[in-house]
Amino acid sequence: MSSISPSCQNLKDEYDACFNSWFTDHYLKGDTTTDMCTNLFKKYQACIKEAVKEHKITLWELENESIPKKT
């Protein structure tokens, strides 16, 4: 899945790679204490928050786009 903002895509890719590595190399082996991706997550989160403000996106708009409507 792509980032909500193209300017955040590199940060998302870096975080995703870190998370996948942590999950397979640490979490699945029982090590749940490592926070090796926290700094990347915070940078990506800050970028996304800025993009949401910049594009004046409200949370309900995000929810409506990502949740399929029931028929």
PDB file of N, CA and C in Angstrom:
ATOM      1  N   MET A   1       0.841  -1.170   0.000  1.00  0.00           N
ATOM      2  CA  MET A   1       0.000   0.000   0.000  1.00  0.00           C
ATOM      3  C   MET A   1       0.890   1.238   0.000  1.00  0.00           C
ATOM      4  N   SER A   2       0.492   2.218  -0.771  1.00  0.00           N
ATOM      5  CA  SER A   2       1.253   3.463  -0.851  1.00  0.00           C
ATOM      6  C   SER A   2       0.922   4.381   0.313  1.00  0.00           C
ATOM      7  N   SER A   3       1.818   5.300   0.560  1.00  0.00           N
ATOM      8  CA  SER A   3       1.594   6.302   1.589  1.00  0.00           C
ATOM      9  C   SER A   3       0.513   7.267   1.118  1.00  0.00           C
ATOM     10  N   ILE A   4      -0.143   7.912   2.068  1.00  0.00           N
ATOM     11  CA  ILE A   4      -1.168   8.899   1.737  1.00  0.00           C
ATOM     12  C   ILE A   4      -0.568  10.106   1.015  1.00  0.00           C
ATOM     13  N   SER A   5       0.726  10.312   1.194  1.00  0.00           N
ATOM     14  CA  SER A   5       1.416  11.435   0.567  1.00  0.00           C
ATOM     15  C   SER A   5       2.690  10.937  -0.124  1.00  0.00           C
ATOM     16  N   PRO A   6       2.870  11.281  -1.392  1.00  0.00           N
ATOM     17  CA  PRO A   6       4.100  10.867  -2.087  1.00  0.00           C
ATOM     18  C   PRO A   6       5.371  11.342  -1.384  1.00  0.00           C
ATOM     19  N   SER A   7       5.305  12.477  -0.708  1.00  0.00           N
ATOM     20  CA  SER A   7       6.492  12.991  -0.025  1.00  0.00           C
ATOM     21  C   SER A   7       6.885  12.135   1.180  1.00  0.00           C
ATOM     22  N   CYS A   8       5.977  11.274   1.640  1.00  0.00           N
ATOM     23  CA  CYS A   8       6.245  10.402   2.782  1.00  0.00           C
ATOM     24  C   CYS A   8       6.588   8.973   2.359  1.00  0.00           C
ATOM     25  N   GLN A   9       6.558   8.683   1.066  1.00  0.00           N
ATOM     26  CA  GLN A   9       6.714   7.314   0.599  1.00  0.00           C
ATOM     27  C   GLN A   9       8.046   6.688   1.015  1.00  0.00           C
ATOM     28  N   ASN A  10       9.147   7.435   0.909  1.00  0.00           N
ATOM     29  CA  ASN A  10      10.448   6.871   1.304  1.00  0.00           C
ATOM     30  C   ASN A  10      10.482   6.504   2.781  1.00  0.00           C
ATOM     31  N   LEU A  11       9.910   7.354   3.621  1.00  0.00           N
ATOM     32  CA  LEU A  11       9.859   7.056   5.053  1.00  0.00           C
ATOM     33  C   LEU A  11       8.997   5.821   5.316  1.00  0.00           C
ATOM     34  N   LYS A  12       7.889   5.704   4.599  1.00  0.00           N
ATOM     35  CA  LYS A  12       7.028   4.534   4.747  1.00  0.00           C
ATOM     36  C   LYS A  12       7.774   3.266   4.343  1.00  0.00           C
ATOM     37  N   ASP A  13       8.482   3.329   3.225  1.00  0.00           N
ATOM     38  CA  ASP A  13       9.231   2.164   2.760  1.00  0.00           C
ATOM     39  C   ASP A  13      10.306   1.745   3.767  1.00  0.00           C
ATOM     40  N   GLU A  14      11.001   2.737   4.336  1.00  0.00           N
ATOM     41  CA  GLU A  14      12.027   2.441   5.335  1.00  0.00           C
ATOM     42  C   GLU A  14      11.407   1.809   6.586  1.00  0.00           C
ATOM     43  N   TYR A  15      10.294   2.378   7.041  1.00  0.00           N
ATOM     44  CA  TYR A  15       9.632   1.836   8.225  1.00  0.00           C
ATOM     45  C   TYR A  15       9.117   0.429   7.954  1.00  0.00           C
ATOM     46  N   ASP A  16       8.469   0.218   6.813  1.00  0.00           N
ATOM     47  CA  ASP A  16       7.956  -1.112   6.476  1.00  0.00           C
ATOM     48  C   ASP A  16       9.069  -2.155   6.459  1.00  0.00           C
ATOM     49  N   ALA A  17      10.207  -1.802   5.863  1.00  0.00           N
ATOM     50  CA  ALA A  17      11.339  -2.739   5.814  1.00  0.00           C
ATOM     51  C   ALA A  17      11.849  -3.039   7.222  1.00  0.00           C
ATOM     52  N   CYS A  18      11.946  -2.019   8.050  1.00  0.00           N
ATOM     53  CA  CYS A  18      12.403  -2.206   9.431  1.00  0.00           C
ATOM     54  C   CYS A  18      11.416  -3.076  10.196  1.00  0.00           C
ATOM     55  N   PHE A  19      10.134  -2.791  10.074  1.00  0.00           N
ATOM     56  CA  PHE A  19       9.122  -3.562  10.787  1.00  0.00           C
ATOM     57  C   PHE A  19       9.156  -5.022  10.355  1.00  0.00           C
ATOM     58  N   ASN A  20       9.220  -5.265   9.055  1.00  0.00           N
ATOM     59  CA  ASN A  20       9.257  -6.648   8.565  1.00  0.00           C
ATOM     60  C   ASN A  20      10.473  -7.394   9.093  1.00  0.00           C
ATOM     61  N   SER A  21      11.613  -6.713   9.142  1.00  0.00           N
ATOM     62  CA  SER A  21      12.835  -7.309   9.682  1.00  0.00           C
ATOM     63  C   SER A  21      12.672  -7.609  11.172  1.00  0.00           C
ATOM     64  N   TRP A  22      12.155  -6.638  11.920  1.00  0.00           N
ATOM     65  CA  TRP A  22      11.936  -6.833  13.350  1.00  0.00           C
ATOM     66  C   TRP A  22      10.975  -7.993  13.593  1.00  0.00           C
ATOM     67  N   PHE A  23       9.900  -8.038  12.824  1.00  0.00           N
ATOM     68  CA  PHE A  23       8.888  -9.070  13.023  1.00  0.00           C
ATOM     69  C   PHE A  23       9.465 -10.469  12.807  1.00  0.00           C
ATOM     70  N   THR A  24      10.204 -10.644  11.712  1.00  0.00           N
ATOM     71  CA  THR A  24      10.729 -11.981  11.405  1.00  0.00           C
ATOM     72  C   THR A  24      11.964 -12.326  12.233  1.00  0.00           C
ATOM     73  N   ASP A  25      12.840 -11.359  12.472  1.00  0.00           N
ATOM     74  CA  ASP A  25      14.102 -11.644  13.152  1.00  0.00           C
ATOM     75  C   ASP A  25      14.033 -11.565  14.676  1.00  0.00           C
ATOM     76  N   HIS A  26      13.020 -10.892  15.197  1.00  0.00           N
ATOM     77  CA  HIS A  26      12.927 -10.710  16.647  1.00  0.00           C
ATOM     78  C   HIS A  26      11.608 -11.245  17.214  1.00  0.00           C
ATOM     79  N   TYR A  27      10.510 -10.654  16.776  1.00  0.00           N
ATOM     80  CA  TYR A  27       9.209 -10.988  17.365  1.00  0.00           C
ATOM     81  C   TYR A  27       8.870 -12.473  17.238  1.00  0.00           C
ATOM     82  N   LEU A  28       9.027 -13.014  16.052  1.00  0.00           N
ATOM     83  CA  LEU A  28       8.687 -14.427  15.855  1.00  0.00           C
ATOM     84  C   LEU A  28       9.612 -15.374  16.616  1.00  0.00           C
ATOM     85  N   LYS A  29      10.739 -14.843  17.090  1.00  0.00           N
ATOM     86  CA  LYS A  29      11.682 -15.645  17.873  1.00  0.00           C
ATOM     87  C   LYS A  29      11.537 -15.370  19.370  1.00  0.00           C
ATOM     88  N   GLY A  30      10.480 -14.629  19.732  1.00  0.00           N
ATOM     89  CA  GLY A  30      10.182 -14.405  21.138  1.00  0.00           C
ATOM     90  C   GLY A  30      10.702 -13.117  21.732  1.00  0.00           C
ATOM     91  N   ASP A  31      11.465 -12.332  20.980  1.00  0.00           N
ATOM     92  CA  ASP A  31      11.994 -11.065  21.489  1.00  0.00           C
ATOM     93  C   ASP A  31      11.008  -9.951  21.170  1.00  0.00           C
ATOM     94  N   THR A  32      10.207  -9.586  22.156  1.00  0.00           N
ATOM     95  CA  THR A  32       9.202  -8.537  21.949  1.00  0.00           C
ATOM     96  C   THR A  32       9.621  -7.207  22.559  1.00  0.00           C
ATOM     97  N   THR A  33      10.843  -7.117  23.066  1.00  0.00           N
ATOM     98  CA  THR A  33      11.273  -5.904  23.748  1.00  0.00           C
ATOM     99  C   THR A  33      11.992  -4.912  22.835  1.00  0.00           C
ATOM    100  N   THR A  34      12.414  -5.350  21.670  1.00  0.00           N
ATOM    101  CA  THR A  34      13.177  -4.477  20.781  1.00  0.00           C
ATOM    102  C   THR A  34      12.297  -3.372  20.219  1.00  0.00           C
ATOM    103  N   ASP A  35      12.808  -2.151  20.236  1.00  0.00           N
ATOM    104  CA  ASP A  35      12.080  -1.035  19.634  1.00  0.00           C
ATOM    105  C   ASP A  35      12.919  -0.403  18.521  1.00  0.00           C
ATOM    106  N   MET A  36      13.488  -1.252  17.688  1.00  0.00           N
ATOM    107  CA  MET A  36      14.428  -0.794  16.670  1.00  0.00           C
ATOM    108  C   MET A  36      13.800   0.089  15.595  1.00  0.00           C
ATOM    109  N   CYS A  37      12.492   0.103  15.467  1.00  0.00           N
ATOM    110  CA  CYS A  37      11.840   0.878  14.404  1.00  0.00           C
ATOM    111  C   CYS A  37      11.141   2.131  14.919  1.00  0.00           C
ATOM    112  N   THR A  38      11.218   2.378  16.200  1.00  0.00           N
ATOM    113  CA  THR A  38      10.485   3.486  16.805  1.00  0.00           C
ATOM    114  C   THR A  38      10.831   4.835  16.176  1.00  0.00           C
ATOM    115  N   ASN A  39      12.105   5.120  15.974  1.00  0.00           N
ATOM    116  CA  ASN A  39      12.488   6.414  15.401  1.00  0.00           C
ATOM    117  C   ASN A  39      11.974   6.576  13.975  1.00  0.00           C
ATOM    118  N   LEU A  40      12.043   5.509  13.185  1.00  0.00           N
ATOM    119  CA  LEU A  40      11.507   5.570  11.820  1.00  0.00           C
ATOM    120  C   LEU A  40      10.002   5.792  11.842  1.00  0.00           C
ATOM    121  N   PHE A  41       9.315   5.098  12.753  1.00  0.00           N
ATOM    122  CA  PHE A  41       7.870   5.275  12.858  1.00  0.00           C
ATOM    123  C   PHE A  41       7.523   6.711  13.210  1.00  0.00           C
ATOM    124  N   LYS A  42       8.231   7.312  14.141  1.00  0.00           N
ATOM    125  CA  LYS A  42       7.958   8.692  14.553  1.00  0.00           C
ATOM    126  C   LYS A  42       8.178   9.661  13.404  1.00  0.00           C
ATOM    127  N   LYS A  43       9.228   9.451  12.606  1.00  0.00           N
ATOM    128  CA  LYS A  43       9.481  10.311  11.444  1.00  0.00           C
ATOM    129  C   LYS A  43       8.369  10.169  10.411  1.00  0.00           C
ATOM    130  N   TYR A  44       7.966   8.939  10.144  1.00  0.00           N
ATOM    131  CA  TYR A  44       6.894   8.698   9.179  1.00  0.00           C
ATOM    132  C   TYR A  44       5.580   9.289   9.682  1.00  0.00           C
ATOM    133  N   GLN A  45       5.293   9.096  10.960  1.00  0.00           N
ATOM    134  CA  GLN A  45       4.071   9.627  11.556  1.00  0.00           C
ATOM    135  C   GLN A  45       4.030  11.158  11.448  1.00  0.00           C
ATOM    136  N   ALA A  46       5.153  11.817  11.710  1.00  0.00           N
ATOM    137  CA  ALA A  46       5.213  13.276  11.611  1.00  0.00           C
ATOM    138  C   ALA A  46       4.963  13.728  10.170  1.00  0.00           C
ATOM    139  N   CYS A  47       5.519  13.012   9.223  1.00  0.00           N
ATOM    140  CA  CYS A  47       5.314  13.338   7.816  1.00  0.00           C
ATOM    141  C   CYS A  47       3.838  13.206   7.445  1.00  0.00           C
ATOM    142  N   ILE A  48       3.211  12.135   7.877  1.00  0.00           N
ATOM    143  CA  ILE A  48       1.793  11.905   7.585  1.00  0.00           C
ATOM    144  C   ILE A  48       0.921  12.985   8.236  1.00  0.00           C
ATOM    145  N   LYS A  49       1.225  13.327   9.472  1.00  0.00           N
ATOM    146  CA  LYS A  49       0.448  14.371  10.151  1.00  0.00           C
ATOM    147  C   LYS A  49       0.539  15.685   9.389  1.00  0.00           C
ATOM    148  N   GLU A  50       1.717  15.997   8.890  1.00  0.00           N
ATOM    149  CA  GLU A  50       1.903  17.223   8.111  1.00  0.00           C
ATOM    150  C   GLU A  50       1.111  17.157   6.799  1.00  0.00           C
ATOM    151  N   ALA A  51       1.130  16.019   6.150  1.00  0.00           N
ATOM    152  CA  ALA A  51       0.394  15.854   4.892  1.00  0.00           C
ATOM    153  C   ALA A  51      -1.113  15.979   5.119  1.00  0.00           C
ATOM    154  N   VAL A  52      -1.601  15.429   6.223  1.00  0.00           N
ATOM    155  CA  VAL A  52      -3.028  15.528   6.545  1.00  0.00           C
ATOM    156  C   VAL A  52      -3.419  16.986   6.747  1.00  0.00           C
ATOM    157  N   LYS A  53      -2.595  17.739   7.463  1.00  0.00           N
ATOM    158  CA  LYS A  53      -2.863  19.160   7.670  1.00  0.00           C
ATOM    159  C   LYS A  53      -2.799  19.919   6.348  1.00  0.00           C
ATOM    160  N   GLU A  54      -1.761  19.655   5.572  1.00  0.00           N
ATOM    161  CA  GLU A  54      -1.546  20.350   4.306  1.00  0.00           C
ATOM    162  C   GLU A  54      -2.714  20.158   3.337  1.00  0.00           C
ATOM    163  N   HIS A  55      -3.244  18.959   3.292  1.00  0.00           N
ATOM    164  CA  HIS A  55      -4.335  18.650   2.363  1.00  0.00           C
ATOM    165  C   HIS A  55      -5.713  18.800   2.999  1.00  0.00           C
ATOM    166  N   LYS A  56      -5.722  19.275   4.251  1.00  0.00           N
ATOM    167  CA  LYS A  56      -6.968  19.511   4.990  1.00  0.00           C
ATOM    168  C   LYS A  56      -7.881  18.282   4.958  1.00  0.00           C
ATOM    169  N   ILE A  57      -7.292  17.133   5.284  1.00  0.00           N
ATOM    170  CA  ILE A  57      -8.026  15.874   5.316  1.00  0.00           C
ATOM    171  C   ILE A  57      -8.526  15.653   6.735  1.00  0.00           C
ATOM    172  N   THR A  58      -9.795  15.347   6.871  1.00  0.00           N
ATOM    173  CA  THR A  58     -10.340  15.039   8.186  1.00  0.00           C
ATOM    174  C   THR A  58     -10.360  13.523   8.363  1.00  0.00           C
ATOM    175  N   LEU A  59     -10.376  13.082   9.597  1.00  0.00           N
ATOM    176  CA  LEU A  59     -10.353  11.649   9.873  1.00  0.00           C
ATOM    177  C   LEU A  59     -11.537  10.925   9.260  1.00  0.00           C
ATOM    178  N   TRP A  60     -12.711  11.516   9.294  1.00  0.00           N
ATOM    179  CA  TRP A  60     -13.870  10.816   8.729  1.00  0.00           C
ATOM    180  C   TRP A  60     -13.697  10.604   7.233  1.00  0.00           C
ATOM    181  N   GLU A  61     -12.988  11.482   6.535  1.00  0.00           N
ATOM    182  CA  GLU A  61     -12.727  11.281   5.112  1.00  0.00           C
ATOM    183  C   GLU A  61     -11.832  10.066   4.902  1.00  0.00           C
ATOM    184  N   LEU A  62     -10.827   9.911   5.740  1.00  0.00           N
ATOM    185  CA  LEU A  62      -9.946   8.754   5.632  1.00  0.00           C
ATOM    186  C   LEU A  62     -10.705   7.466   5.897  1.00  0.00           C
ATOM    187  N   GLU A  63     -11.547   7.470   6.920  1.00  0.00           N
ATOM    188  CA  GLU A  63     -12.304   6.278   7.258  1.00  0.00           C
ATOM    189  C   GLU A  63     -13.262   5.899   6.143  1.00  0.00           C
ATOM    190  N   ASN A  64     -13.910   6.873   5.541  1.00  0.00           N
ATOM    191  CA  ASN A  64     -14.855   6.581   4.466  1.00  0.00           C
ATOM    192  C   ASN A  64     -14.170   6.003   3.239  1.00  0.00           C
ATOM    193  N   GLU A  65     -12.964   6.418   2.966  1.00  0.00           N
ATOM    194  CA  GLU A  65     -12.240   5.918   1.793  1.00  0.00           C
ATOM    195  C   GLU A  65     -11.673   4.529   2.026  1.00  0.00           C
ATOM    196  N   SER A  66     -11.339   4.188   3.254  1.00  0.00           N
ATOM    197  CA  SER A  66     -10.662   2.926   3.510  1.00  0.00           C
ATOM    198  C   SER A  66     -11.584   1.796   3.941  1.00  0.00           C
ATOM    199  N   ILE A  67     -12.790   2.126   4.356  1.00  0.00           N
ATOM    200  CA  ILE A  67     -13.723   1.096   4.815  1.00  0.00           C
ATOM    201  C   ILE A  67     -14.790   0.886   3.747  1.00  0.00           C
ATOM    202  N   PRO A  68     -14.863  -0.326   3.202  1.00  0.00           N
ATOM    203  CA  PRO A  68     -15.899  -0.582   2.201  1.00  0.00           C
ATOM    204  C   PRO A  68     -17.297  -0.442   2.803  1.00  0.00           C
ATOM    205  N   LYS A  69     -18.192   0.083   2.002  1.00  0.00           N
ATOM    206  CA  LYS A  69     -19.561   0.251   2.470  1.00  0.00           C
ATOM    207  C   LYS A  69     -20.300  -1.077   2.386  1.00  0.00           C
ATOM    208  N   LYS A  70     -21.140  -1.314   3.383  1.00  0.00           N
ATOM    209  CA  LYS A  70     -21.943  -2.528   3.400  1.00  0.00           C
ATOM    210  C   LYS A  70     -23.136  -2.332   2.485  1.00  0.00           C
ATOM    211  N   THR A  71     -23.470  -3.389   1.777  1.00  0.00           N
ATOM    212  CA  THR A  71     -24.635  -3.313   0.881  1.00  0.00           C
ATOM    213  C   THR A  71     -25.734  -4.224   1.346  1.00  0.00           C
TER     214      THR A  71
END
